[in-house]
């Protein structure tokens, strides 16, 4: 997916960052990547714009999709090579026997630093004051198979409510604020970069994902095990590029924010006020396990070792 950069963006990033070796470009291998238009899924745009993919010999074709189920289906069908998935969605897919594996880490939740990257928001005129008040209500999430759905159920139950009585509906991230403002839903679990817009339309009931753990991996870049085995060298290059991208993004919020604004079509001033996510620089079982365990509880399957999800060859 190619979106022209503005001259302001080019100036901000700098010529050295945008430049890549001609030889690397000539040898680039095509890679079809599926992502979601939210900040955690924007890491691949940073890799593309900053030349980390080109440096690794990768010609990235990036496509935005609605959510985890669509991306999982695209990976299994072979329509996409690599996709962005929440770890709980990946765990749910894995327990069904679908051979998807995590190639590289995406983002991590680290309290208190990333607490405000997600918020449970109710309309401004709502009478909801606590978790139990959500019983029997309608709550919007980006996907019925993803972190937002899992974490908000855990929060409701840990704080005196009954998530089994709540009706969950899927709404695209960019439409959350409007759904809250028009009272189409009683609450919505909103992720950056849309939290600020949602807060203008409503009131925050809770921040963050501490109902899962204080530190855990939230997302990962995945493929089928067969595709990874068939493209081992490309996987190695992709992982190296993503690790380099994560380190760069964590240290450079201003230039990464400019890229984020361009690809997600956001006001740069809004992006500058965001609580930014943290990208994970190394995949570990310890970071993967908490979300797997909570997902197993809510989706009704036996938990399993996180190592089962990590691609290794």
C-alpha atoms as a PDB file:
ATOM      1  CA  UNK A   1       0.000   0.000   0.000  1.00  0.00           C
ATOM      2  CA  UNK A   2       1.725   3.203  -1.097  1.00  0.00           C
ATOM      3  CA  UNK A   3       0.746   6.592   0.325  1.00  0.00           C
ATOM      4  CA  UNK A   4       2.729   9.645  -0.828  1.00  0.00           C
ATOM      5  CA  UNK A   5       4.668  11.420   1.920  1.00  0.00           C
ATOM      6  CA  UNK A   6       4.269  15.151   2.349  1.00  0.00           C
ATOM      7  CA  UNK A   7       7.313  17.361   2.071  1.00  0.00           C
ATOM      8  CA  UNK A   8       6.979  18.098   5.781  1.00  0.00           C
ATOM      9  CA  UNK A   9       7.179  14.393   6.596  1.00  0.00           C
ATOM     10  CA  UNK A  10      10.222  13.947   4.396  1.00  0.00           C
ATOM     11  CA  UNK A  11      11.965  16.866   6.087  1.00  0.00           C
ATOM     12  CA  UNK A  12      11.138  15.559   9.540  1.00  0.00           C
ATOM     13  CA  UNK A  13      12.435  12.062   8.869  1.00  0.00           C
ATOM     14  CA  UNK A  14      15.558  13.252   7.101  1.00  0.00           C
ATOM     15  CA  UNK A  15      17.244  12.104   3.928  1.00  0.00           C
ATOM     16  CA  UNK A  16      19.529   9.614   5.639  1.00  0.00           C
ATOM     17  CA  UNK A  17      16.610   7.796   7.239  1.00  0.00           C
ATOM     18  CA  UNK A  18      14.751   7.511   3.968  1.00  0.00           C
ATOM     19  CA  UNK A  19      17.694   6.434   1.860  1.00  0.00           C
ATOM     20  CA  UNK A  20      18.345   2.784   1.054  1.00  0.00           C
ATOM     21  CA  UNK A  21      21.018   1.005  -0.882  1.00  0.00           C
ATOM     22  CA  UNK A  22      20.321   0.443  -4.554  1.00  0.00           C
ATOM     23  CA  UNK A  23      21.693  -3.068  -4.283  1.00  0.00           C
ATOM     24  CA  UNK A  24      19.291  -3.930  -1.460  1.00  0.00           C
ATOM     25  CA  UNK A  25      16.357  -2.621  -3.481  1.00  0.00           C
ATOM     26  CA  UNK A  26      17.356  -4.666  -6.504  1.00  0.00           C
ATOM     27  CA  UNK A  27      17.403  -7.861  -4.432  1.00  0.00           C
ATOM     28  CA  UNK A  28      14.244  -7.191  -2.423  1.00  0.00           C
ATOM     29  CA  UNK A  29      11.824 -10.063  -1.986  1.00  0.00           C
ATOM     30  CA  UNK A  30       8.074  -9.355  -2.007  1.00  0.00           C
ATOM     31  CA  UNK A  31       6.271  -9.765   1.305  1.00  0.00           C
ATOM     32  CA  UNK A  32       2.497  -9.334   1.693  1.00  0.00           C
ATOM     33  CA  UNK A  33       1.713  -7.969   5.149  1.00  0.00           C
ATOM     34  CA  UNK A  34      -1.741  -7.505   6.713  1.00  0.00           C
ATOM     35  CA  UNK A  35      -2.261  -5.052   9.545  1.00  0.00           C
ATOM     36  CA  UNK A  36      -4.978  -3.119  11.393  1.00  0.00           C
ATOM     37  CA  UNK A  37      -5.211   0.713  11.216  1.00  0.00           C
ATOM     38  CA  UNK A  38      -4.287   1.355  14.859  1.00  0.00           C
ATOM     39  CA  UNK A  39      -0.982   2.451  16.351  1.00  0.00           C
ATOM     40  CA  UNK A  40       0.205  -1.043  17.393  1.00  0.00           C
ATOM     41  CA  UNK A  41      -0.245  -2.204  13.804  1.00  0.00           C
ATOM     42  CA  UNK A  42       1.655   0.782  12.378  1.00  0.00           C
ATOM     43  CA  UNK A  43       5.070  -0.701  13.134  1.00  0.00           C
ATOM     44  CA  UNK A  44       5.360  -2.087   9.599  1.00  0.00           C
ATOM     45  CA  UNK A  45       4.865   1.423   8.182  1.00  0.00           C
ATOM     46  CA  UNK A  46       7.804   2.622  10.272  1.00  0.00           C
ATOM     47  CA  UNK A  47       9.880  -0.257   8.923  1.00  0.00           C
ATOM     48  CA  UNK A  48       8.948   0.648   5.369  1.00  0.00           C
ATOM     49  CA  UNK A  49       9.416   4.413   5.649  1.00  0.00           C
ATOM     50  CA  UNK A  50      12.687   4.274   7.594  1.00  0.00           C
ATOM     51  CA  UNK A  51      14.258   1.791   5.190  1.00  0.00           C
ATOM     52  CA  UNK A  52      14.525  -1.134   7.614  1.00  0.00           C
ATOM     53  CA  UNK A  53      12.633  -3.421   5.227  1.00  0.00           C
ATOM     54  CA  UNK A  54      14.748  -2.338   2.261  1.00  0.00           C
ATOM     55  CA  UNK A  55      17.899  -2.875   4.314  1.00  0.00           C
ATOM     56  CA  UNK A  56      16.699  -6.435   5.021  1.00  0.00           C
ATOM     57  CA  UNK A  57      15.966  -7.046   1.338  1.00  0.00           C
ATOM     58  CA  UNK A  58      12.187  -6.930   1.761  1.00  0.00           C
ATOM     59  CA  UNK A  59       9.716  -5.291  -0.624  1.00  0.00           C
ATOM     60  CA  UNK A  60       6.724  -4.880   1.695  1.00  0.00           C
ATOM     61  CA  UNK A  61       3.185  -4.716   0.288  1.00  0.00           C
ATOM     62  CA  UNK A  62       1.072  -3.626   3.286  1.00  0.00           C
ATOM     63  CA  UNK A  63      -2.706  -4.003   3.380  1.00  0.00           C
ATOM     64  CA  UNK A  64      -5.081  -2.781   6.083  1.00  0.00           C
ATOM     65  CA  UNK A  65      -7.767  -5.196   7.290  1.00  0.00           C
ATOM     66  CA  UNK A  66     -10.662  -4.936   9.718  1.00  0.00           C
ATOM     67  CA  UNK A  67      -9.414  -7.180  12.510  1.00  0.00           C
ATOM     68  CA  UNK A  68      -7.822 -10.407  13.679  1.00  0.00           C
ATOM     69  CA  UNK A  69     -10.315 -12.892  12.194  1.00  0.00           C
ATOM     70  CA  UNK A  70      -9.916 -11.394   8.722  1.00  0.00           C
ATOM     71  CA  UNK A  71      -6.143 -11.431   9.011  1.00  0.00           C
ATOM     72  CA  UNK A  72      -6.082 -15.003  10.327  1.00  0.00           C
ATOM     73  CA  UNK A  73      -8.232 -16.141   7.418  1.00  0.00           C
ATOM     74  CA  UNK A  74      -5.999 -14.319   4.931  1.00  0.00           C
ATOM     75  CA  UNK A  75      -2.905 -16.044   6.329  1.00  0.00           C
ATOM     76  CA  UNK A  76      -4.466 -19.502   6.262  1.00  0.00           C
ATOM     77  CA  UNK A  77      -5.760 -19.029   2.710  1.00  0.00           C
ATOM     78  CA  UNK A  78      -2.387 -17.809   1.492  1.00  0.00           C
ATOM     79  CA  UNK A  79      -3.765 -14.407   0.492  1.00  0.00           C
ATOM     80  CA  UNK A  80      -1.242 -12.756   2.857  1.00  0.00           C
ATOM     81  CA  UNK A  81       2.170 -13.888   4.072  1.00  0.00           C
ATOM     82  CA  UNK A  82       2.515 -12.136   7.435  1.00  0.00           C
ATOM     83  CA  UNK A  83      -0.187 -10.617   9.602  1.00  0.00           C
ATOM     84  CA  UNK A  84      -0.698  -8.567  12.751  1.00  0.00           C
ATOM     85  CA  UNK A  85      -2.623 -10.441  15.457  1.00  0.00           C
ATOM     86  CA  UNK A  86      -3.418  -9.924  19.118  1.00  0.00           C
ATOM     87  CA  UNK A  87      -1.832 -12.694  21.159  1.00  0.00           C
ATOM     88  CA  UNK A  88      -5.189 -13.841  22.506  1.00  0.00           C
ATOM     89  CA  UNK A  89      -6.577 -14.147  18.980  1.00  0.00           C
ATOM     90  CA  UNK A  90      -3.492 -16.136  18.020  1.00  0.00           C
ATOM     91  CA  UNK A  91      -3.955 -18.387  21.059  1.00  0.00           C
ATOM     92  CA  UNK A  92      -7.602 -19.003  20.174  1.00  0.00           C
ATOM     93  CA  UNK A  93      -6.677 -19.884  16.608  1.00  0.00           C
ATOM     94  CA  UNK A  94      -3.879 -22.179  17.795  1.00  0.00           C
ATOM     95  CA  UNK A  95      -6.120 -24.194  20.114  1.00  0.00           C
ATOM     96  CA  UNK A  96      -8.376 -24.959  17.143  1.00  0.00           C
ATOM     97  CA  UNK A  97      -5.460 -26.690  15.463  1.00  0.00           C
ATOM     98  CA  UNK A  98      -4.739 -23.952  12.920  1.00  0.00           C
ATOM     99  CA  UNK A  99      -0.930 -23.827  12.525  1.00  0.00           C
ATOM    100  CA  UNK A 100      -0.272 -20.093  12.938  1.00  0.00           C
ATOM    101  CA  UNK A 101       2.948 -19.055  14.656  1.00  0.00           C
ATOM    102  CA  UNK A 102       4.401 -15.820  16.034  1.00  0.00           C
ATOM    103  CA  UNK A 103       7.443 -14.668  14.062  1.00  0.00           C
ATOM    104  CA  UNK A 104       8.212 -11.373  15.750  1.00  0.00           C
ATOM    105  CA  UNK A 105       6.829  -9.493  18.753  1.00  0.00           C
ATOM    106  CA  UNK A 106       4.557  -6.519  18.238  1.00  0.00           C
ATOM    107  CA  UNK A 107       3.570  -4.398  21.229  1.00  0.00           C
ATOM    108  CA  UNK A 108       3.627  -4.961  24.966  1.00  0.00           C
ATOM    109  CA  UNK A 109       1.565  -3.693  27.858  1.00  0.00           C
ATOM    110  CA  UNK A 110       3.769  -2.303  30.632  1.00  0.00           C
ATOM    111  CA  UNK A 111       2.079  -0.671  33.605  1.00  0.00           C
ATOM    112  CA  UNK A 112       2.088   2.227  34.291  1.00  0.00           C
ATOM    113  CA  UNK A 113       3.865   3.430  31.132  1.00  0.00           C
ATOM    114  CA  UNK A 114       1.333   2.268  28.552  1.00  0.00           C
ATOM    115  CA  UNK A 115      -1.797   2.233  30.714  1.00  0.00           C
ATOM    116  CA  UNK A 116      -3.526   5.028  28.815  1.00  0.00           C
ATOM    117  CA  UNK A 117      -3.070   3.519  25.367  1.00  0.00           C
ATOM    118  CA  UNK A 118      -6.469   1.849  25.819  1.00  0.00           C
ATOM    119  CA  UNK A 119      -9.614   2.964  27.609  1.00  0.00           C
ATOM    120  CA  UNK A 120     -13.085   1.690  28.410  1.00  0.00           C
ATOM    121  CA  UNK A 121     -15.295   4.673  27.567  1.00  0.00           C
ATOM    122  CA  UNK A 122     -19.001   5.298  28.220  1.00  0.00           C
ATOM    123  CA  UNK A 123     -21.175   8.098  26.758  1.00  0.00           C
ATOM    124  CA  UNK A 124     -21.033  11.415  28.608  1.00  0.00           C
ATOM    125  CA  UNK A 125     -24.655  11.071  29.734  1.00  0.00           C
ATOM    126  CA  UNK A 126     -24.266   7.428  30.832  1.00  0.00           C
ATOM    127  CA  UNK A 127     -25.360   6.300  34.295  1.00  0.00           C
ATOM    128  CA  UNK A 128     -22.696   3.581  34.302  1.00  0.00           C
ATOM    129  CA  UNK A 129     -20.287   4.152  37.202  1.00  0.00           C
ATOM    130  CA  UNK A 130     -18.856   0.695  37.911  1.00  0.00           C
ATOM    131  CA  UNK A 131     -18.340  -2.709  36.320  1.00  0.00           C
ATOM    132  CA  UNK A 132     -21.646  -4.138  37.592  1.00  0.00           C
ATOM    133  CA  UNK A 133     -23.517  -1.331  35.822  1.00  0.00           C
ATOM    134  CA  UNK A 134     -22.428  -2.849  32.503  1.00  0.00           C
ATOM    135  CA  UNK A 135     -24.389  -6.048  33.161  1.00  0.00           C
ATOM    136  CA  UNK A 136     -26.883  -6.531  30.344  1.00  0.00           C
ATOM    137  CA  UNK A 137     -25.447  -3.605  28.356  1.00  0.00           C
ATOM    138  CA  UNK A 138     -23.998  -3.403  24.824  1.00  0.00           C
ATOM    139  CA  UNK A 139     -20.243  -2.899  24.605  1.00  0.00           C
ATOM    140  CA  UNK A 140     -18.208  -2.257  21.443  1.00  0.00           C
ATOM    141  CA  UNK A 141     -14.827  -3.851  20.744  1.00  0.00           C
ATOM    142  CA  UNK A 142     -12.651  -3.851  17.643  1.00  0.00           C
ATOM    143  CA  UNK A 143     -13.011  -7.629  17.322  1.00  0.00           C
ATOM    144  CA  UNK A 144     -14.779 -10.470  19.098  1.00  0.00           C
ATOM    145  CA  UNK A 145     -11.518 -12.385  18.870  1.00  0.00           C
ATOM    146  CA  UNK A 146      -8.858 -10.079  20.229  1.00  0.00           C
ATOM    147  CA  UNK A 147      -7.260  -8.347  23.192  1.00  0.00           C
ATOM    148  CA  UNK A 148      -9.973  -5.724  23.684  1.00  0.00           C
ATOM    149  CA  UNK A 149     -12.680  -8.369  24.029  1.00  0.00           C
ATOM    150  CA  UNK A 150     -10.645 -10.572  26.363  1.00  0.00           C
ATOM    151  CA  UNK A 151      -9.295  -7.799  28.595  1.00  0.00           C
ATOM    152  CA  UNK A 152     -12.603  -5.993  29.068  1.00  0.00           C
ATOM    153  CA  UNK A 153     -14.336  -9.239  30.051  1.00  0.00           C
ATOM    154  CA  UNK A 154     -11.615  -9.863  32.622  1.00  0.00           C
ATOM    155  CA  UNK A 155     -11.939  -6.296  33.948  1.00  0.00           C
ATOM    156  CA  UNK A 156     -15.714  -6.552  34.334  1.00  0.00           C
ATOM    157  CA  UNK A 157     -15.508  -9.848  36.204  1.00  0.00           C
ATOM    158  CA  UNK A 158     -12.607  -8.782  38.450  1.00  0.00           C
ATOM    159  CA  UNK A 159     -14.443  -5.617  39.447  1.00  0.00           C
ATOM    160  CA  UNK A 160     -17.821  -7.006  40.437  1.00  0.00           C
ATOM    161  CA  UNK A 161     -19.665  -7.332  37.139  1.00  0.00           C
ATOM    162  CA  UNK A 162     -20.721 -10.330  35.058  1.00  0.00           C
ATOM    163  CA  UNK A 163     -19.284 -10.228  31.545  1.00  0.00           C
ATOM    164  CA  UNK A 164     -21.426 -13.192  30.477  1.00  0.00           C
ATOM    165  CA  UNK A 165     -24.466 -10.854  30.493  1.00  0.00           C
ATOM    166  CA  UNK A 166     -22.835  -8.215  28.290  1.00  0.00           C
ATOM    167  CA  UNK A 167     -23.599  -8.063  24.570  1.00  0.00           C
ATOM    168  CA  UNK A 168     -20.374  -7.441  22.643  1.00  0.00           C
ATOM    169  CA  UNK A 169     -20.467  -5.954  19.137  1.00  0.00           C
ATOM    170  CA  UNK A 170     -17.699  -5.270  16.624  1.00  0.00           C
ATOM    171  CA  UNK A 171     -17.099  -1.674  15.534  1.00  0.00           C
ATOM    172  CA  UNK A 172     -14.097  -0.379  13.524  1.00  0.00           C
ATOM    173  CA  UNK A 173     -11.598   1.631  15.616  1.00  0.00           C
ATOM    174  CA  UNK A 174     -12.239   4.885  13.753  1.00  0.00           C
ATOM    175  CA  UNK A 175     -16.006   4.611  14.397  1.00  0.00           C
ATOM    176  CA  UNK A 176     -15.809   4.140  18.173  1.00  0.00           C
ATOM    177  CA  UNK A 177     -16.079   7.832  19.086  1.00  0.00           C
ATOM    178  CA  UNK A 178     -19.183   8.308  16.934  1.00  0.00           C
ATOM    179  CA  UNK A 179     -20.814   5.210  18.413  1.00  0.00           C
ATOM    180  CA  UNK A 180     -20.266   6.606  21.905  1.00  0.00           C
ATOM    181  CA  UNK A 181     -21.437  10.111  21.010  1.00  0.00           C
ATOM    182  CA  UNK A 182     -24.678   8.859  19.456  1.00  0.00           C
ATOM    183  CA  UNK A 183     -25.327   6.325  22.253  1.00  0.00           C
ATOM    184  CA  UNK A 184     -25.318   3.437  19.773  1.00  0.00           C
ATOM    185  CA  UNK A 185     -23.456   1.477  22.453  1.00  0.00           C
ATOM    186  CA  UNK A 186     -23.367   1.657  26.236  1.00  0.00           C
ATOM    187  CA  UNK A 187     -19.569   1.481  26.313  1.00  0.00           C
ATOM    188  CA  UNK A 188     -16.590   0.897  24.030  1.00  0.00           C
ATOM    189  CA  UNK A 189     -13.077  -0.434  24.521  1.00  0.00           C
ATOM    190  CA  UNK A 190     -11.000   2.051  22.526  1.00  0.00           C
ATOM    191  CA  UNK A 191      -7.334   1.891  21.510  1.00  0.00           C
ATOM    192  CA  UNK A 192      -5.001   4.668  20.461  1.00  0.00           C
ATOM    193  CA  UNK A 193      -4.933   6.699  18.310  1.00  0.00           C
ATOM    194  CA  UNK A 194      -8.687   7.035  18.910  1.00  0.00           C
ATOM    195  CA  UNK A 195      -8.810   7.410  22.705  1.00  0.00           C
ATOM    196  CA  UNK A 196      -8.714  11.213  22.628  1.00  0.00           C
ATOM    197  CA  UNK A 197     -11.647  11.388  20.199  1.00  0.00           C
ATOM    198  CA  UNK A 198     -13.627   8.934  22.328  1.00  0.00           C
ATOM    199  CA  UNK A 199     -12.940  10.986  25.463  1.00  0.00           C
ATOM    200  CA  UNK A 200     -14.397  14.068  23.790  1.00  0.00           C
ATOM    201  CA  UNK A 201     -17.593  12.088  23.241  1.00  0.00           C
ATOM    202  CA  UNK A 202     -17.678  10.320  26.575  1.00  0.00           C
ATOM    203  CA  UNK A 203     -16.175   9.485  29.947  1.00  0.00           C
ATOM    204  CA  UNK A 204     -13.425   6.998  30.809  1.00  0.00           C
ATOM    205  CA  UNK A 205     -14.548   4.210  33.104  1.00  0.00           C
ATOM    206  CA  UNK A 206     -11.179   2.416  33.199  1.00  0.00           C
ATOM    207  CA  UNK A 207      -7.767   2.558  31.565  1.00  0.00           C
ATOM    208  CA  UNK A 208      -5.424  -0.172  30.506  1.00  0.00           C
ATOM    209  CA  UNK A 209      -5.227  -3.944  30.582  1.00  0.00           C
ATOM    210  CA  UNK A 210      -4.071  -4.720  34.116  1.00  0.00           C
ATOM    211  CA  UNK A 211      -6.923  -7.195  34.369  1.00  0.00           C
ATOM    212  CA  UNK A 212      -4.564  -9.461  32.381  1.00  0.00           C
ATOM    213  CA  UNK A 213      -1.187  -8.616  33.955  1.00  0.00           C
ATOM    214  CA  UNK A 214       1.067  -5.653  34.617  1.00  0.00           C
ATOM    215  CA  UNK A 215       3.404  -6.664  31.794  1.00  0.00           C
ATOM    216  CA  UNK A 216       2.647  -8.909  28.831  1.00  0.00           C
ATOM    217  CA  UNK A 217       2.932  -9.147  25.056  1.00  0.00           C
ATOM    218  CA  UNK A 218      -0.240  -7.865  23.430  1.00  0.00           C
ATOM    219  CA  UNK A 219       0.391  -8.394  19.714  1.00  0.00           C
ATOM    220  CA  UNK A 220       2.660 -10.284  17.347  1.00  0.00           C
ATOM    221  CA  UNK A 221       3.491 -10.604  13.650  1.00  0.00           C
ATOM    222  CA  UNK A 222       2.432 -14.051  12.505  1.00  0.00           C
ATOM    223  CA  UNK A 223       2.328 -16.472   9.608  1.00  0.00           C
ATOM    224  CA  UNK A 224       1.429 -20.092   9.016  1.00  0.00           C
ATOM    225  CA  UNK A 225       4.082 -22.551  10.147  1.00  0.00           C
ATOM    226  CA  UNK A 226       4.285 -23.921   6.607  1.00  0.00           C
ATOM    227  CA  UNK A 227       4.902 -20.505   5.056  1.00  0.00           C
ATOM    228  CA  UNK A 228       7.579 -19.768   7.662  1.00  0.00           C
ATOM    229  CA  UNK A 229       9.308 -23.098   7.000  1.00  0.00           C
ATOM    230  CA  UNK A 230       9.216 -22.496   3.261  1.00  0.00           C
ATOM    231  CA  UNK A 231      10.631 -18.973   3.632  1.00  0.00           C
ATOM    232  CA  UNK A 232      13.076 -19.346   6.520  1.00  0.00           C
ATOM    233  CA  UNK A 233      15.582 -16.801   5.186  1.00  0.00           C
ATOM    234  CA  UNK A 234      12.832 -14.230   4.571  1.00  0.00           C
ATOM    235  CA  UNK A 235      11.469 -14.820   8.082  1.00  0.00           C
ATOM    236  CA  UNK A 236      14.920 -14.202   9.548  1.00  0.00           C
ATOM    237  CA  UNK A 237      15.197 -10.949   7.602  1.00  0.00           C
ATOM    238  CA  UNK A 238      11.682  -9.871   8.630  1.00  0.00           C
ATOM    239  CA  UNK A 239      12.379 -10.530  12.319  1.00  0.00           C
ATOM    240  CA  UNK A 240      15.629  -8.562  12.159  1.00  0.00           C
ATOM    241  CA  UNK A 241      13.861  -5.642  10.478  1.00  0.00           C
ATOM    242  CA  UNK A 242      11.058  -5.621  13.049  1.00  0.00           C
ATOM    243  CA  UNK A 243      13.451  -5.786  15.996  1.00  0.00           C
ATOM    244  CA  UNK A 244      15.362  -2.832  14.562  1.00  0.00           C
ATOM    245  CA  UNK A 245      12.105  -0.989  13.947  1.00  0.00           C
ATOM    246  CA  UNK A 246      10.882  -1.549  17.516  1.00  0.00           C
ATOM    247  CA  UNK A 247      14.091  -0.137  18.986  1.00  0.00           C
ATOM    248  CA  UNK A 248      13.906   2.880  16.671  1.00  0.00           C
ATOM    249  CA  UNK A 249      10.202   3.589  17.310  1.00  0.00           C
ATOM    250  CA  UNK A 250      10.570   3.436  21.088  1.00  0.00           C
ATOM    251  CA  UNK A 251      13.360   6.008  20.961  1.00  0.00           C
ATOM    252  CA  UNK A 252      11.866   8.290  18.302  1.00  0.00           C
ATOM    253  CA  UNK A 253       8.258   9.251  19.105  1.00  0.00           C
ATOM    254  CA  UNK A 254       8.304  12.411  16.980  1.00  0.00           C
ATOM    255  CA  UNK A 255       9.330  10.958  13.593  1.00  0.00           C
ATOM    256  CA  UNK A 256       7.335   7.778  14.198  1.00  0.00           C
ATOM    257  CA  UNK A 257       4.366   9.995  15.044  1.00  0.00           C
ATOM    258  CA  UNK A 258       4.713  11.766  11.703  1.00  0.00           C
ATOM    259  CA  UNK A 259       4.560   8.419   9.875  1.00  0.00           C
ATOM    260  CA  UNK A 260       1.616   7.332  12.017  1.00  0.00           C
ATOM    261  CA  UNK A 261      -0.287  10.495  11.148  1.00  0.00           C
ATOM    262  CA  UNK A 262       0.340   9.999   7.421  1.00  0.00           C
ATOM    263  CA  UNK A 263      -0.739   6.377   7.159  1.00  0.00           C
ATOM    264  CA  UNK A 264      -3.678   6.565   9.543  1.00  0.00           C
ATOM    265  CA  UNK A 265      -4.748   9.961   8.148  1.00  0.00           C
ATOM    266  CA  UNK A 266      -4.614  11.681  11.528  1.00  0.00           C
ATOM    267  CA  UNK A 267      -3.974  15.272  12.558  1.00  0.00           C
ATOM    268  CA  UNK A 268      -0.273  15.467  13.556  1.00  0.00           C
ATOM    269  CA  UNK A 269      -1.280  17.664  16.495  1.00  0.00           C
ATOM    270  CA  UNK A 270      -3.525  14.863  17.766  1.00  0.00           C
ATOM    271  CA  UNK A 271      -0.750  12.307  17.386  1.00  0.00           C
ATOM    272  CA  UNK A 272       1.653  14.520  19.353  1.00  0.00           C
ATOM    273  CA  UNK A 273      -0.677  14.258  22.358  1.00  0.00           C
ATOM    274  CA  UNK A 274      -1.132  10.490  22.255  1.00  0.00           C
ATOM    275  CA  UNK A 275       0.062   8.120  24.945  1.00  0.00           C
ATOM    276  CA  UNK A 276       2.310   6.091  22.686  1.00  0.00           C
ATOM    277  CA  UNK A 277       2.489   2.304  22.690  1.00  0.00           C
ATOM    278  CA  UNK A 278       5.662   0.378  23.412  1.00  0.00           C
ATOM    279  CA  UNK A 279       7.002  -1.957  20.740  1.00  0.00           C
ATOM    280  CA  UNK A 280       8.658  -5.156  21.952  1.00  0.00           C
ATOM    281  CA  UNK A 281      12.245  -5.745  20.945  1.00  0.00           C
ATOM    282  CA  UNK A 282      12.466  -9.428  21.878  1.00  0.00           C
ATOM    283  CA  UNK A 283      10.038 -12.352  21.898  1.00  0.00           C
ATOM    284  CA  UNK A 284       9.893 -14.265  25.208  1.00  0.00           C
ATOM    285  CA  UNK A 285       7.615 -16.956  26.577  1.00  0.00           C
ATOM    286  CA  UNK A 286       7.271 -15.045  29.843  1.00  0.00           C
ATOM    287  CA  UNK A 287       5.681 -12.088  28.047  1.00  0.00           C
ATOM    288  CA  UNK A 288       3.419 -14.316  25.951  1.00  0.00           C
ATOM    289  CA  UNK A 289       2.014 -16.520  28.716  1.00  0.00           C
ATOM    290  CA  UNK A 290      -0.295 -14.121  30.674  1.00  0.00           C
ATOM    291  CA  UNK A 291      -2.599 -13.356  27.756  1.00  0.00           C
ATOM    292  CA  UNK A 292      -2.682 -16.998  26.666  1.00  0.00           C
ATOM    293  CA  UNK A 293      -3.843 -18.008  30.158  1.00  0.00           C
ATOM    294  CA  UNK A 294      -6.610 -15.393  30.347  1.00  0.00           C
ATOM    295  CA  UNK A 295      -7.784 -16.226  26.839  1.00  0.00           C
ATOM    296  CA  UNK A 296      -7.983 -19.922  27.728  1.00  0.00           C
ATOM    297  CA  UNK A 297     -10.179 -19.065  30.714  1.00  0.00           C
ATOM    298  CA  UNK A 298     -12.661 -16.990  28.712  1.00  0.00           C
ATOM    299  CA  UNK A 299     -12.680 -19.022  25.529  1.00  0.00           C
ATOM    300  CA  UNK A 300     -13.034 -22.330  27.378  1.00  0.00           C
ATOM    301  CA  UNK A 301      -9.934 -24.255  26.345  1.00  0.00           C
ATOM    302  CA  UNK A 302      -6.948 -25.663  28.221  1.00  0.00           C
ATOM    303  CA  UNK A 303      -4.010 -23.296  28.420  1.00  0.00           C
ATOM    304  CA  UNK A 304      -0.700 -24.329  26.867  1.00  0.00           C
ATOM    305  CA  UNK A 305       2.981 -23.287  26.986  1.00  0.00           C
ATOM    306  CA  UNK A 306       3.671 -19.998  25.210  1.00  0.00           C
ATOM    307  CA  UNK A 307       6.633 -21.615  23.491  1.00  0.00           C
ATOM    308  CA  UNK A 308       4.141 -23.520  21.334  1.00  0.00           C
ATOM    309  CA  UNK A 309       3.272 -20.256  19.570  1.00  0.00           C
ATOM    310  CA  UNK A 310       6.816 -19.086  18.870  1.00  0.00           C
ATOM    311  CA  UNK A 311       8.262 -19.985  15.502  1.00  0.00           C
ATOM    312  CA  UNK A 312      11.628 -21.683  15.776  1.00  0.00           C
ATOM    313  CA  UNK A 313      13.717 -23.391  13.158  1.00  0.00           C
END
